[in-house]
Every structure is written in C-alpha cells, then in structure tokens.
Protein backbone atom coordinates (compact mmCIF):
# COMPACT_ATOMS: atom_id res chain seq x y z
CA UNK A 1 40.94 18.81 50.04
CA UNK A 2 41.22 21.93 47.92
CA UNK A 3 38.42 21.14 45.49
CA UNK A 4 36.01 20.48 48.37
CA UNK A 5 36.93 23.83 49.90
CA UNK A 6 36.44 25.49 46.52
CA UNK A 7 32.99 23.91 46.29
CA UNK A 8 32.06 25.54 49.59
CA UNK A 9 33.41 28.93 48.53
CA UNK A 10 31.55 28.79 45.21
CA UNK A 11 28.32 27.83 46.95
CA UNK A 12 28.69 30.78 49.32
CA UNK A 13 29.46 33.15 46.46
CA UNK A 14 26.44 31.88 44.50
CA UNK A 15 24.12 32.50 47.44
CA UNK A 16 25.51 36.02 47.76
CA UNK A 17 24.88 36.98 44.12
CA UNK A 18 21.55 35.08 43.90
CA UNK A 19 19.93 35.26 47.37
CA UNK A 20 16.87 33.25 46.34
CA UNK A 21 18.84 30.44 44.71
CA UNK A 22 18.16 26.86 45.81
CA UNK A 23 21.52 25.17 45.47
CA UNK A 24 19.98 21.72 45.82
CA UNK A 25 18.71 22.13 42.26
CA UNK A 26 22.21 22.89 40.91
CA UNK A 27 24.77 20.10 40.28
CA UNK A 28 27.69 20.22 42.70
CA UNK A 29 30.70 22.23 41.47
CA UNK A 30 32.93 19.25 42.22
CA UNK A 31 31.72 17.44 39.11
CA UNK A 32 33.07 20.18 36.84
CA UNK A 33 36.63 20.76 38.06
CA UNK A 34 39.44 20.47 35.52
CA UNK A 35 43.14 21.26 35.63
CA UNK A 36 43.81 24.68 34.18
CA UNK A 37 45.22 24.73 30.67
CA UNK A 38 48.16 26.90 31.74
CA UNK A 39 49.58 23.99 33.73
CA UNK A 40 49.76 25.84 37.04
CA UNK A 41 49.37 23.13 39.71
CA UNK A 42 47.68 25.69 42.00
CA UNK A 43 44.96 26.57 39.45
CA UNK A 44 41.56 24.88 39.12
CA UNK A 45 39.13 25.51 36.25
CA UNK A 46 35.38 24.99 36.37
CA UNK A 47 32.38 25.29 34.07
CA UNK A 48 29.98 25.60 37.01
CA UNK A 49 28.63 29.02 35.90
CA UNK A 50 26.88 27.18 33.04
CA UNK A 51 25.05 24.96 35.56
CA UNK A 52 24.21 28.02 37.61
CA UNK A 53 22.88 29.79 34.52
CA UNK A 54 20.32 27.05 33.92
CA UNK A 55 18.85 27.69 37.38
CA UNK A 56 19.03 31.49 37.40
CA UNK A 57 18.40 32.49 33.79
CA UNK A 58 21.44 34.77 33.86
CA UNK A 59 24.19 34.47 31.20
CA UNK A 60 27.09 32.18 32.25
CA UNK A 61 29.69 34.84 31.45
CA UNK A 62 27.91 37.33 33.72
CA UNK A 63 27.76 34.78 36.53
CA UNK A 64 31.45 33.93 36.13
CA UNK A 65 32.36 37.60 36.53
CA UNK A 66 30.12 37.96 39.58
CA UNK A 67 31.50 34.81 41.21
CA UNK A 68 35.08 35.91 40.56
CA UNK A 69 34.34 39.24 42.22
CA UNK A 70 33.05 37.53 45.37
CA UNK A 71 35.96 35.08 45.50
CA UNK A 72 38.54 37.88 45.28
CA UNK A 73 38.12 38.51 49.01
CA UNK A 74 38.85 34.92 50.09
CA UNK A 75 42.25 34.95 51.86
CA UNK A 76 43.49 31.54 50.71
CA UNK A 77 42.77 32.29 47.03
CA UNK A 78 45.30 34.33 45.09
CA UNK A 79 43.18 34.85 41.95
CA UNK A 80 39.75 34.17 40.44
CA UNK A 81 39.52 34.86 36.74
CA UNK A 82 36.50 34.48 34.40
CA UNK A 83 37.47 33.05 31.02
CA UNK A 84 35.67 32.34 27.77
CA UNK A 85 31.90 32.62 27.80
CA UNK A 86 31.33 31.40 31.34
CA UNK A 87 34.30 29.46 32.62
CA UNK A 88 36.09 30.30 35.84
CA UNK A 89 39.71 29.67 36.83
CA UNK A 90 40.65 29.88 40.49
CA UNK A 91 44.22 29.89 41.80
CA UNK A 92 44.99 29.06 45.42
CA UNK A 93 47.87 30.47 47.42
CA UNK A 94 51.15 28.59 47.70
CA UNK A 95 50.41 27.90 51.35
CA UNK A 96 47.02 26.35 50.52
CA UNK A 97 48.70 24.11 47.93
CA UNK A 98 51.46 23.06 50.33
CA UNK A 99 48.90 22.30 53.04
CA UNK A 100 47.61 19.47 50.81
CA UNK A 101 50.48 17.34 52.12
CA UNK A 102 49.58 18.03 55.75
CA UNK A 103 45.89 17.35 55.15
CA UNK A 104 46.50 14.01 53.38
CA UNK A 105 48.73 12.81 56.20
CA UNK A 106 46.12 13.84 58.77
CA UNK A 107 43.34 12.10 56.84
CA UNK A 108 45.27 8.88 56.24
CA UNK A 109 43.12 6.27 54.44
CA UNK A 110 40.22 8.77 54.36
CA UNK A 111 42.16 11.05 51.98
CA UNK A 112 40.24 9.49 49.05
CA UNK A 113 36.84 10.38 50.52
CA UNK A 114 34.42 13.11 49.47
CA UNK A 115 30.69 13.79 49.32
CA UNK A 116 30.57 14.30 45.55
CA UNK A 117 28.20 11.34 45.06
CA UNK A 118 26.22 11.94 48.23
CA UNK A 119 22.90 10.12 48.08
CA UNK A 120 23.59 8.33 44.80
CA UNK A 121 22.84 4.59 44.96
CA UNK A 122 25.66 2.08 44.64
CA UNK A 123 26.23 -1.61 45.26
CA UNK A 124 29.35 -2.86 47.03
CA UNK A 125 30.42 -6.45 46.37
CA UNK A 126 33.33 -8.41 47.88
CA UNK A 127 36.61 -8.39 46.02
CA UNK A 128 36.63 -11.29 43.54
CA UNK A 129 39.42 -13.83 43.22
CA UNK A 130 40.92 -13.34 39.73
CA UNK A 131 42.23 -16.91 39.66
CA UNK A 132 38.66 -18.22 39.94
CA UNK A 133 37.46 -16.50 36.75
CA UNK A 134 36.66 -18.62 33.69
CA UNK A 135 37.86 -15.95 31.24
CA UNK A 136 39.75 -12.67 31.25
CA UNK A 137 36.52 -10.83 30.50
CA UNK A 138 34.76 -12.32 33.50
CA UNK A 139 37.76 -11.49 35.68
CA UNK A 140 37.63 -7.88 34.44
CA UNK A 141 33.87 -7.58 34.89
CA UNK A 142 34.01 -8.91 38.46
CA UNK A 143 36.91 -6.59 39.37
CA UNK A 144 35.27 -3.57 37.74
CA UNK A 145 31.97 -4.16 39.53
CA UNK A 146 33.60 -4.51 42.94
CA UNK A 147 35.92 -1.55 42.39
CA UNK A 148 33.19 0.78 41.12
CA UNK A 149 31.19 0.11 44.27
CA UNK A 150 34.18 0.85 46.50
CA UNK A 151 34.91 4.09 44.62
CA UNK A 152 31.29 5.20 44.91
CA UNK A 153 31.29 4.44 48.62
CA UNK A 154 34.41 6.57 49.08
CA UNK A 155 32.67 9.40 47.21
CA UNK A 156 29.73 9.41 49.62
CA UNK A 157 27.22 7.24 47.75
CA UNK A 158 24.45 5.41 49.60
CA UNK A 159 25.65 1.83 49.28
CA UNK A 160 24.01 -1.56 49.51
CA UNK A 161 26.39 -4.38 50.39
CA UNK A 162 26.01 -7.64 48.50
CA UNK A 163 27.38 -10.68 50.36
CA UNK A 164 29.54 -13.23 48.58
CA UNK A 165 26.84 -15.87 48.50
CA UNK A 166 24.55 -13.59 46.44
CA UNK A 167 26.99 -12.83 43.68
CA UNK A 168 25.90 -15.80 41.55
CA UNK A 169 29.08 -16.31 39.55
CA UNK A 170 28.41 -20.01 39.14
CA UNK A 171 30.49 -23.05 39.93
CA UNK A 172 32.42 -23.39 36.68
CA UNK A 173 36.06 -24.35 36.71
CA UNK A 174 38.54 -21.44 36.55
CA UNK A 175 40.05 -20.65 33.19
CA UNK A 176 43.65 -21.78 32.68
CA UNK A 177 44.94 -18.47 31.27
CA UNK A 178 43.91 -16.25 34.20
CA UNK A 179 44.96 -18.89 36.71
CA UNK A 180 48.36 -19.23 35.04
CA UNK A 181 48.88 -15.46 35.12
CA UNK A 182 48.05 -15.35 38.84
CA UNK A 183 50.44 -18.24 39.53
CA UNK A 184 53.25 -16.55 37.60
CA UNK A 185 52.84 -12.82 38.34
CA UNK A 186 50.95 -12.91 41.65
CA UNK A 187 47.36 -12.05 42.46
CA UNK A 188 48.04 -8.35 43.17
CA UNK A 189 49.75 -7.78 39.83
CA UNK A 190 46.89 -9.45 37.96
CA UNK A 191 44.27 -7.59 40.01
CA UNK A 192 45.95 -4.26 39.24
CA UNK A 193 46.14 -5.13 35.55
CA UNK A 194 42.39 -5.82 35.60
CA UNK A 195 41.74 -2.66 37.62
CA UNK A 196 43.56 -0.33 35.22
CA UNK A 197 42.05 -1.77 32.05
CA UNK A 198 39.52 0.62 30.53
CA UNK A 199 36.33 -0.77 28.94
CA UNK A 200 37.52 -0.41 25.36
CA UNK A 201 40.72 -2.35 26.05
CA UNK A 202 39.36 -5.50 27.65
CA UNK A 203 40.27 -7.49 24.56
CA UNK A 204 43.95 -6.80 25.21
CA UNK A 205 43.77 -8.84 28.39
CA UNK A 206 44.15 -11.92 26.20
CA UNK A 207 47.76 -10.84 25.56
CA UNK A 208 50.29 -12.02 28.08
CA UNK A 209 53.78 -10.86 28.89
CA UNK A 210 55.70 -9.04 31.59
CA UNK A 211 55.26 -5.67 29.85
CA UNK A 212 51.59 -5.68 30.86
CA UNK A 213 52.55 -5.50 34.53
CA UNK A 214 55.10 -2.67 34.50
CA UNK A 215 52.56 -0.06 35.59
CA UNK A 216 51.76 -1.96 38.77
CA UNK A 217 55.47 -2.37 39.45
CA UNK A 218 55.94 1.42 39.16
CA UNK A 219 53.13 2.24 41.61
CA UNK A 220 54.18 -0.53 44.00
CA UNK A 221 57.79 0.70 43.88
CA UNK A 222 56.78 4.33 44.50
CA UNK A 223 54.82 3.35 47.62
CA UNK A 224 57.65 1.16 48.91
CA UNK A 225 60.23 3.88 48.24
CA UNK A 226 58.20 6.45 50.14
CA UNK A 227 57.78 4.03 53.05
CA UNK A 228 61.52 3.32 53.01
CA UNK A 229 62.43 7.00 53.10
CA UNK A 230 60.22 7.51 56.14
CA UNK A 231 61.67 4.43 57.82
CA UNK A 232 65.23 5.65 57.25
CA UNK A 233 64.32 9.12 58.48
CA UNK A 234 62.94 7.60 61.67
CA UNK A 235 66.13 5.61 62.20
CA UNK A 236 68.18 8.79 61.70
CA UNK A 237 65.94 10.81 63.99
CA UNK A 238 65.23 13.52 61.41
CA UNK A 239 62.03 15.13 60.20
CA UNK A 240 60.55 15.77 63.63
CA UNK A 241 60.21 19.54 63.24
CA UNK A 242 56.92 21.16 62.26
CA UNK A 243 57.46 23.50 59.27
CA UNK A 244 54.34 25.44 60.26
CA UNK A 245 53.59 28.45 58.11
CA UNK A 246 56.85 28.08 56.20
CA UNK A 247 55.72 24.90 54.46
CA UNK A 248 55.03 26.69 51.17
CA UNK A 249 58.45 28.36 51.16
CA UNK A 250 60.11 25.01 51.82
CA UNK A 251 58.14 23.09 49.16
CA UNK A 252 58.59 25.60 46.36
CA UNK A 253 60.34 23.75 43.54
CA UNK A 254 58.60 22.75 40.33
CA UNK A 255 58.54 18.98 41.06
CA UNK A 256 57.24 19.55 44.59
CA UNK A 257 54.46 21.87 43.49
CA UNK A 258 53.49 19.56 40.63
CA UNK A 259 53.26 16.62 43.02
CA UNK A 260 51.20 18.64 45.51
CA UNK A 261 48.87 19.67 42.70
CA UNK A 262 48.42 16.06 41.60
CA UNK A 263 47.68 14.89 45.14
CA UNK A 264 45.00 17.55 45.55
CA UNK A 265 42.93 15.87 42.80
CA UNK A 266 42.74 12.43 44.45
CA UNK A 267 39.15 12.64 45.84
CA UNK A 268 37.88 14.15 42.58
CA UNK A 269 39.48 11.39 40.51
CA UNK A 270 37.94 8.73 42.77
CA UNK A 271 34.47 10.25 42.49
CA UNK A 272 34.79 10.82 38.73
CA UNK A 273 35.84 7.23 38.07
CA UNK A 274 32.83 6.00 40.06
CA UNK A 275 30.38 8.39 38.39
CA UNK A 276 31.49 7.44 34.89
CA UNK A 277 31.73 3.76 35.87
CA UNK A 278 35.28 3.71 34.58
CA UNK A 279 37.24 2.47 37.61
CA UNK A 280 40.37 2.10 35.50
CA UNK A 281 40.81 5.87 35.59
CA UNK A 282 42.02 5.71 39.19
CA UNK A 283 45.03 3.41 38.60
CA UNK A 284 46.06 5.61 35.68
CA UNK A 285 45.96 8.58 38.06
CA UNK A 286 48.03 6.68 40.64
CA UNK A 287 50.62 6.12 37.93
CA UNK A 288 50.81 9.89 37.42
CA UNK A 289 51.38 10.32 41.15
CA UNK A 290 54.10 7.65 41.05
CA UNK A 291 55.83 9.47 38.19
CA UNK A 292 55.53 12.76 40.06
CA UNK A 293 57.04 11.14 43.13
CA UNK A 294 59.99 9.81 41.12
CA UNK A 295 60.76 13.28 39.73
CA UNK A 296 60.49 14.77 43.19
CA UNK A 297 62.61 12.06 44.80
CA UNK A 298 65.41 12.62 42.31
CA UNK A 299 65.40 16.43 42.30
CA UNK A 300 64.26 17.17 45.86
CA UNK A 301 65.31 14.23 48.07
CA UNK A 302 64.32 14.28 51.72
CA UNK A 303 67.29 12.47 53.25
CA UNK A 304 70.64 14.13 54.09
CA UNK A 305 72.82 11.58 52.24
CA UNK A 306 71.34 12.28 48.78
CA UNK A 307 74.10 14.47 47.38
CA UNK A 308 73.97 18.15 46.50
CA UNK A 309 70.17 18.16 46.20
CA UNK A 310 69.72 16.99 49.80
CA UNK A 311 67.88 19.31 52.20
CA UNK A 312 70.06 22.09 53.56
CA UNK A 313 68.30 22.50 56.89
CA UNK A 314 66.37 20.25 59.32
CA UNK A 315 63.30 22.36 58.57
CA UNK A 316 63.55 21.65 54.85
CA UNK A 317 64.03 17.94 55.55
CA UNK A 318 60.89 17.95 57.69
CA UNK A 319 58.87 19.63 54.94
CA UNK A 320 60.04 17.16 52.32
CA UNK A 321 59.33 14.23 54.61
CA UNK A 322 55.81 15.53 55.12
CA UNK A 323 55.35 15.39 51.35
CA UNK A 324 56.78 11.85 51.31
CA UNK A 325 54.24 10.87 53.98
CA UNK A 326 51.45 12.29 51.84
CA UNK A 327 52.61 10.28 48.81
CA UNK A 328 52.69 7.08 50.82
CA UNK A 329 49.22 7.73 52.28
CA UNK A 330 47.69 8.65 48.91
CA UNK A 331 49.13 5.65 47.07
CA UNK A 332 48.13 3.28 49.87
CA UNK A 333 44.56 4.61 49.94
CA UNK A 334 44.33 4.51 46.14
CA UNK A 335 45.65 0.97 45.90
CA UNK A 336 43.20 -0.12 48.61
CA UNK A 337 40.41 0.98 46.25
CA UNK A 338 41.75 -1.51 43.70
CA UNK A 339 41.68 -4.31 46.27
CA UNK A 340 45.42 -4.26 46.99
CA UNK A 341 47.23 -3.77 50.29
CA UNK A 342 50.63 -2.38 49.23
CA UNK A 343 53.89 -3.68 50.60
CA UNK A 344 56.22 -1.31 52.44
CA UNK A 345 59.32 -3.15 51.22
CA UNK A 346 60.30 -4.54 47.83
C-alpha cells in the first residue's frame, strides 16, 4: 500500500542524506503517518524527521528539508513539503492514489497485512464464543485479547498460538444477559459490538437495545451492497475492460478520491490498533469506509441503470467496479480480523 511504499522511499532518502546511518536503530516511519490537516486524500503527513534527529544529532527541521529535496525526484510523488519544525507532508500522484483499488483487489484478504510490527511478540488465541461469557466484561476481554493477537499477526508480529484448552476461562455457567443478546441479535452482531467497544466504554455494554448494533448493520450492509453490485455487473457482462493508465482520470470525483484515500490507510490502522492494544479502533475505521462507500455509491454508481450519475462509458464502469471490488475486499478482510465472515447478501 501507499504508506509502505512511502516508508521505503523515506528510508532510501535517509540513507542518501546520512550515509552512515543505521536505520535499524530508528523507529519505522509507518508508526508516524497521519492524514494531512488539509484533508487531501492523496497527502500523508509524518513526524519521522524527529525520530531521525535523535539518531543523527541534526535538527528535525533541517532533516525534513533534506528529505523533501530527495523525494522531489520520485516519479509517483507530486509533492514533498516540510512543515513546522520538522514535520513532512508528502502528496502522491492521482494515479498512485487510484492504484490503491487495483492493489487491494490483487491482494485480497492480505490487503490488511504489513510489516509494521515485524519481530514484535504477540499471542494469538482462538476466537471466543460470546454466549459462553459470564459477564459482558469477560466477553469483551476475551474478544479483545483474541482480536489484538490477530491484528498483530497481520502487522507482521512474531506470534505464539495458544490452543483453546490452554485459555483457562473456567467452567462457569454463561451469563444470562450476554446469552440473551446473542440469541436475539445473533453472534456476529454481538461479536462486532464487543470488537468496536473501546476500553473506556466497556461499562456501556451493560446497556441493551437495538441502537447498539446499528454500526455493525452499516458495515454488513456496505459489504453486501458491494458484493451485490459486482454480482449484477457479472450478470450484465459489464466491467470486463482494464482501465489501465486512465484509472486516475476515471476515478476523479471527490467521493471516489476520498474513498481511495481511506482504503490506503487500512494496513496502518490494523497495525496501530494492535500496537496500542486498542482493537476497537479497526471497526471504527471500517465504519468510515462504509460511510465513504455509501457516498460513492450514491454519487458515482457503477451500474448503468442508476440514473443520470451512471457511468457514461464501459471504461468508466470498469473503473468504478474496480473500486467496488476494493471496498468489498477491504471490508471482508477487516471484518475477518474481528472474527466475522461477512455475508454477501442481506
């Protein structure tokens, strides 16, 4: 993905301006990426010059200027601008941003993977059964532990697998409240609710009501809608062209670029949630992708029977369907990291 490519470019630029630098002693740039404050979906901001300064003794602002100068020659970058006292903002070309869709589709379930936690230790446990938990807190703790391990594994951590028999959760009877919620809403809805709950909000799990499951419904619906669009396209025999180098020109609207920008952050969000041991951050990110998909579906539909906003050419339909495929793949891979296999139909 884009941030991984930017990591490689920054590492190369750092070696060029500091030939004797040992990059193994510097934290990976991938841990510092942030969306740029100007809201450009093709821009990525980093504080990495500050990490570099601690290893070189040079001022961060000076390093940011030097790095920007080296990155100016990279063909797939349109700008590299030092800001503040050592921050760096890098903007990729429209083609590089559009290629995110193609790369996610090619990667499939592996689109969530990175090497940002390479070598870090992590423990992977089997997915727990929410209905077997005595309390909501236990259900959340078991889900969070299993999910954090899966996220870390996806981010390249060195994992140790813990079999079910070693988990030691005891033989107590399940609690009636969690069991009742599973019976009423379904295990996937309850698992997602547990997955998206951040540490400071565990107490709210004692509250019950359909409103607590709307977020899962939105993500589930977005995945099913994307799958349906692709199924209908296949039945109509459209979307078989390869947009090639025109992909950026065909995916140029605001909603399309915003959605592409969101998708490009998926591996970073997975690794960040694992590193901070806050697995609930990933479902919240998936909800942003689902909202971005809805805006895109309404304003830039991929099928020819969607009114005046429908694609005007087969080439444009193919480009939009490629983006739909990327949404489906990203949501499916993200939901898998919560322990859910998403349905392709509602």
